[in-house]
Amino acid sequence: MQAFAGTGSSGIGLTNPAHQFDVLSVLGTAIFGGGGLGTFLARLLILMVLTSASASTQTTILPTARTTLSMATYKAIPAAFARIHPRYLTRRSPPS
């Protein structure tokens, strides 16, 4: 985005106060145009960035869960973290 729009404070520049909170919509419209297809592609761009952010977050969380399970299996942390539901193969809560 920075290579395309630059850092200027006018037009589609990234430091323009008029669109500082929604750069993707402005740049999506500048890249794809303002017609029907351009608007669709600009919104698709936002959806793709959100999906990418979600996937990145999930790939950060998953190893932590696996590490916790492994550590509990080898008794490095309490055994309650190693309980797995026999049918759903998900982590079980400790008995109440």
Protein backbone atom coordinates (compact mmCIF):
# COMPACT_ATOMS: atom_id res chain seq x y z
CA MET A 1 0.00 0.00 0.00
CA GLN A 2 2.79 2.37 0.86
CA ALA A 3 4.51 1.78 -2.48
CA PHE A 4 1.27 2.45 -4.37
CA ALA A 5 -0.21 5.36 -2.40
CA GLY A 6 2.88 6.91 -0.85
CA THR A 7 3.03 8.69 2.47
CA GLY A 8 1.65 12.04 1.35
CA SER A 9 -1.13 13.84 3.18
CA SER A 10 -3.21 14.64 0.09
CA GLY A 11 -5.13 12.47 -2.34
CA ILE A 12 -4.77 8.77 -1.60
CA GLY A 13 -1.63 9.25 0.51
CA LEU A 14 -1.53 7.14 3.65
CA THR A 15 -1.24 10.13 6.00
CA ASN A 16 -4.30 11.92 4.62
CA PRO A 17 -6.51 12.70 7.67
CA ALA A 18 -9.68 12.24 5.59
CA HIS A 19 -9.21 8.48 5.38
CA GLN A 20 -6.70 7.63 8.08
CA PHE A 21 -9.03 5.08 9.69
CA ASP A 22 -10.05 3.28 6.47
CA VAL A 23 -7.15 3.15 4.04
CA LEU A 24 -8.24 -0.10 2.38
CA SER A 25 -11.53 1.27 1.05
CA VAL A 26 -9.88 4.34 -0.44
CA LEU A 27 -7.03 2.43 -2.00
CA GLY A 28 -9.31 -0.37 -3.17
CA THR A 29 -11.43 2.18 -5.01
CA ALA A 30 -8.30 3.84 -6.45
CA ILE A 31 -6.96 0.51 -7.69
CA PHE A 32 -10.16 -1.16 -8.91
CA GLY A 33 -12.25 1.89 -9.83
CA GLY A 34 -15.52 3.22 -8.45
CA GLY A 35 -17.93 1.25 -10.64
CA GLY A 36 -19.96 -1.76 -9.58
CA LEU A 37 -17.18 -4.28 -10.14
CA GLY A 38 -14.60 -1.95 -8.59
CA THR A 39 -16.71 -1.51 -5.46
CA PHE A 40 -17.15 -5.28 -5.21
CA LEU A 41 -13.40 -5.87 -5.58
CA ALA A 42 -12.59 -3.15 -3.02
CA ARG A 43 -14.89 -4.83 -0.50
CA LEU A 44 -13.41 -8.20 -1.39
CA LEU A 45 -9.97 -6.73 -0.65
CA ILE A 46 -11.13 -5.81 2.87
CA LEU A 47 -12.59 -9.30 3.36
CA MET A 48 -9.32 -10.89 2.24
CA VAL A 49 -7.28 -8.77 4.67
CA LEU A 50 -9.65 -9.64 7.54
CA THR A 51 -9.49 -13.34 6.64
CA SER A 52 -5.71 -13.19 6.55
CA ALA A 53 -5.62 -11.51 9.97
CA SER A 54 -7.93 -14.17 11.38
CA ALA A 55 -5.80 -17.00 9.97
CA SER A 56 -2.66 -15.40 11.35
CA THR A 57 -4.25 -15.16 14.79
CA GLN A 58 -5.31 -18.81 14.67
CA THR A 59 -1.82 -19.97 13.72
CA THR A 60 -0.51 -18.12 16.75
CA ILE A 61 -3.03 -19.63 19.16
CA LEU A 62 -2.90 -23.25 17.97
CA PRO A 63 0.73 -23.97 18.89
CA THR A 64 0.08 -22.61 22.37
CA ALA A 65 -2.78 -25.08 22.87
CA ARG A 66 -0.66 -27.96 21.61
CA THR A 67 2.23 -26.96 23.84
CA THR A 68 -0.07 -26.77 26.85
CA LEU A 69 -1.45 -30.26 26.14
CA SER A 70 2.04 -31.65 25.70
CA MET A 71 3.33 -30.05 28.89
CA ALA A 72 0.36 -31.41 30.85
CA THR A 73 0.93 -34.88 29.42
CA TYR A 74 4.53 -34.83 30.63
CA LYS A 75 3.41 -33.40 34.00
CA ALA A 76 5.17 -30.06 33.62
CA ILE A 77 1.88 -28.31 34.40
CA PRO A 78 -1.25 -29.60 36.19
CA ALA A 79 -2.83 -32.75 34.72
CA ALA A 80 -6.18 -30.97 34.34
CA PHE A 81 -4.84 -29.40 31.14
CA ALA A 82 -4.37 -32.88 29.62
CA ARG A 83 -7.98 -34.07 29.98
CA ILE A 84 -9.52 -34.79 26.60
CA HIS A 85 -13.17 -35.65 25.95
CA PRO A 86 -13.30 -39.24 24.66
CA ARG A 87 -15.97 -38.62 22.04
CA TYR A 88 -15.30 -35.07 20.82
CA LEU A 89 -11.52 -35.10 21.33
CA THR A 90 -11.62 -31.61 22.81
CA ARG A 91 -10.30 -30.37 26.10
CA ARG A 92 -12.57 -31.25 29.02
CA SER A 93 -13.21 -28.92 31.88
CA PRO A 94 -12.26 -30.24 35.32
CA PRO A 95 -15.16 -31.76 37.24
CA SER A 96 -17.17 -29.23 39.22
